Amino acid sequence: MACAAARSPAEQDRFICIYPAYLNNKKTIAEGRRIPISKAVENPTATEIQDVCSAVGLNVFLEKNKMYSREWNRDVQYRGRVRVQLKQEDGSLCLVQFPSRKSVMLYAAEMIPKLKTRTQKTGGGDQSLQQGEGSKKGKGKKKK
């Protein structure tokens, strides 16, 4: 078996991993958040991280069925991880603006709220608030 230092940084299993929990402002550091809460995003998904990273020109691929080990919720929303290539075959950086794993995470957290899917979800949520009003049947004391 080859030594890890002898293997090329351009191989896919040498790409860095980014799980959505790393960027989630609903998580504590103990639950897996790796960036400051002020810069974190509310419930990011692996596809959003992939979209943001590929749009800037990074070589990325999505592993949909992978789960973060500290994630207790097994829903599809919390599944997935993104692999990102930071270094080329010769060891030089792919993009100079991303020298480290943390720089990629901070960039993704900054750009995810600007995605079209995030900005269009804000409208049309008033209907659910009005459904609870109406009849008051059965809301009193029983008559004897």
Protein backbone atom coordinates (compact mmCIF):
# COMPACT_ATOMS: atom_id res chain seq x y z
CA MET A 1 0.00 0.00 0.00
CA ALA A 2 1.30 3.45 -0.93
CA CYS A 3 2.11 6.05 1.69
CA ALA A 4 -0.35 8.97 1.90
CA ALA A 5 2.44 11.45 1.16
CA ALA A 6 3.37 9.59 -2.04
CA ARG A 7 -0.18 9.75 -3.45
CA SER A 8 -1.23 12.61 -5.68
CA PRO A 9 -3.35 15.41 -4.16
CA ALA A 10 -5.40 15.33 -7.38
CA GLU A 11 -6.89 11.90 -6.56
CA GLN A 12 -10.55 12.08 -5.56
CA ASP A 13 -10.06 10.38 -2.21
CA ARG A 14 -7.56 13.12 -1.31
CA PHE A 15 -10.09 15.93 -1.86
CA ILE A 16 -11.27 17.66 1.32
CA CYS A 17 -14.72 16.79 2.69
CA ILE A 18 -17.30 19.38 3.66
CA TYR A 19 -20.42 18.25 5.48
CA PRO A 20 -23.46 20.57 5.80
CA ALA A 21 -23.13 20.39 9.62
CA TYR A 22 -19.83 22.30 9.36
CA LEU A 23 -21.72 25.39 8.14
CA ASN A 24 -25.00 25.03 10.07
CA ASN A 25 -25.80 27.85 12.54
CA LYS A 26 -28.31 25.58 14.32
CA LYS A 27 -25.43 23.36 15.49
CA THR A 28 -23.01 23.88 18.33
CA ILE A 29 -19.28 23.33 17.97
CA ALA A 30 -19.73 20.02 19.82
CA GLU A 31 -22.34 19.00 17.24
CA GLY A 32 -19.93 19.69 14.40
CA ARG A 33 -20.04 23.35 13.39
CA ARG A 34 -16.57 24.47 12.30
CA ILE A 35 -17.03 28.17 11.51
CA PRO A 36 -18.17 31.09 13.71
CA ILE A 37 -21.93 31.17 14.31
CA SER A 38 -22.08 34.73 12.97
CA LYS A 39 -20.90 33.48 9.56
CA ALA A 40 -22.81 30.17 9.55
CA VAL A 41 -25.94 29.47 7.48
CA GLU A 42 -29.31 28.10 8.53
CA ASN A 43 -29.61 24.43 7.52
CA PRO A 44 -27.39 24.28 4.42
CA THR A 45 -27.62 21.23 2.15
CA ALA A 46 -24.83 19.37 0.38
CA THR A 47 -26.23 20.35 -3.03
CA GLU A 48 -26.11 24.04 -2.06
CA ILE A 49 -22.47 23.67 -1.03
CA GLN A 50 -21.74 21.89 -4.31
CA ASP A 51 -23.48 24.61 -6.37
CA VAL A 52 -21.55 27.42 -4.67
CA CYS A 53 -18.15 25.71 -4.94
CA SER A 54 -18.55 24.63 -8.56
CA ALA A 55 -19.76 28.13 -9.55
CA VAL A 56 -16.48 29.67 -8.36
CA GLY A 57 -14.47 27.15 -10.36
CA LEU A 58 -13.47 24.51 -7.82
CA ASN A 59 -13.45 20.84 -8.82
CA VAL A 60 -16.18 19.28 -6.66
CA PHE A 61 -18.35 16.18 -6.49
CA LEU A 62 -21.27 15.25 -4.30
CA GLU A 63 -21.59 12.02 -2.31
CA LYS A 64 -25.32 11.88 -1.57
CA ASN A 65 -25.49 8.88 0.75
CA LYS A 66 -22.69 9.85 3.12
CA MET A 67 -23.62 10.95 6.64
CA TYR A 68 -21.72 13.07 9.13
CA SER A 69 -20.91 10.88 12.10
CA ARG A 70 -22.17 13.37 14.71
CA GLU A 71 -25.47 13.92 12.88
CA TRP A 72 -28.24 12.22 14.86
CA ASN A 73 -30.99 13.07 12.37
CA ARG A 74 -31.11 10.54 9.52
CA ASP A 75 -33.41 12.57 7.22
CA VAL A 76 -32.47 13.01 3.56
CA GLN A 77 -32.14 16.76 4.18
CA TYR A 78 -29.09 16.18 6.41
CA ARG A 79 -27.38 13.61 4.18
CA GLY A 80 -24.52 14.13 1.81
CA ARG A 81 -21.04 15.51 1.74
CA VAL A 82 -19.10 17.50 -0.81
CA ARG A 83 -15.55 16.68 -1.83
CA VAL A 84 -13.49 19.65 -3.01
CA GLN A 85 -10.11 19.62 -4.73
CA LEU A 86 -7.75 22.16 -3.16
CA LYS A 87 -4.44 21.10 -4.70
CA GLN A 88 -3.36 20.07 -8.18
CA GLU A 89 -1.19 17.09 -9.07
CA ASP A 90 2.05 19.01 -8.49
CA GLY A 91 0.88 20.21 -5.05
CA SER A 92 0.09 23.80 -6.05
CA LEU A 93 -3.26 25.34 -5.16
CA CYS A 94 -6.14 25.04 -7.65
CA LEU A 95 -7.39 28.53 -6.77
CA VAL A 96 -5.20 30.98 -4.85
CA GLN A 97 -8.18 32.38 -2.91
CA PHE A 98 -8.75 28.96 -1.27
CA PRO A 99 -5.52 27.93 0.47
CA SER A 100 -7.27 25.94 3.20
CA ARG A 101 -10.35 23.93 4.09
CA LYS A 102 -11.61 26.76 6.32
CA SER A 103 -11.42 29.32 3.50
CA VAL A 104 -13.69 27.11 1.36
CA MET A 105 -16.17 26.68 4.23
CA LEU A 106 -16.31 30.42 4.94
CA TYR A 107 -16.82 31.21 1.25
CA ALA A 108 -19.62 28.63 0.93
CA ALA A 109 -21.34 29.97 4.06
CA GLU A 110 -21.14 33.50 2.66
CA MET A 111 -22.57 32.58 -0.75
CA ILE A 112 -25.34 30.08 0.13
CA PRO A 113 -27.81 32.77 1.35
CA LYS A 114 -27.40 34.52 -2.04
CA LEU A 115 -28.54 31.46 -4.03
CA LYS A 116 -31.78 31.85 -6.00
CA THR A 117 -33.35 28.91 -4.17
CA ARG A 118 -32.79 30.72 -0.85
CA THR A 119 -33.99 34.16 -1.95
CA GLN A 120 -37.24 32.95 -3.59
CA LYS A 121 -38.48 30.90 -0.62
CA THR A 122 -39.40 33.98 1.45
CA GLY A 123 -42.74 34.84 -0.24
CA GLY A 124 -46.19 33.25 0.12
CA GLY A 125 -46.05 31.86 3.65
CA ASP A 126 -49.06 33.76 5.04
CA GLN A 127 -51.71 31.14 4.26
CA SER A 128 -50.73 28.73 7.03
CA LEU A 129 -51.20 31.41 9.69
CA GLN A 130 -54.88 31.93 8.88
CA GLN A 131 -56.03 28.30 8.99
CA GLY A 132 -56.37 28.05 12.77
CA GLU A 133 -59.09 30.70 12.97
CA GLY A 134 -62.78 29.98 12.50
CA SER A 135 -65.20 27.96 14.61
CA LYS A 136 -64.95 27.69 18.38
CA LYS A 137 -66.91 24.43 18.81
CA GLY A 138 -66.06 22.36 21.83
CA LYS A 139 -63.88 24.97 23.48
CA GLY A 140 -65.83 25.49 26.67
CA LYS A 141 -66.75 23.70 29.88
CA LYS A 142 -69.14 20.80 29.66
CA LYS A 143 -72.63 21.56 30.84
CA LYS A 144 -73.98 19.24 33.51
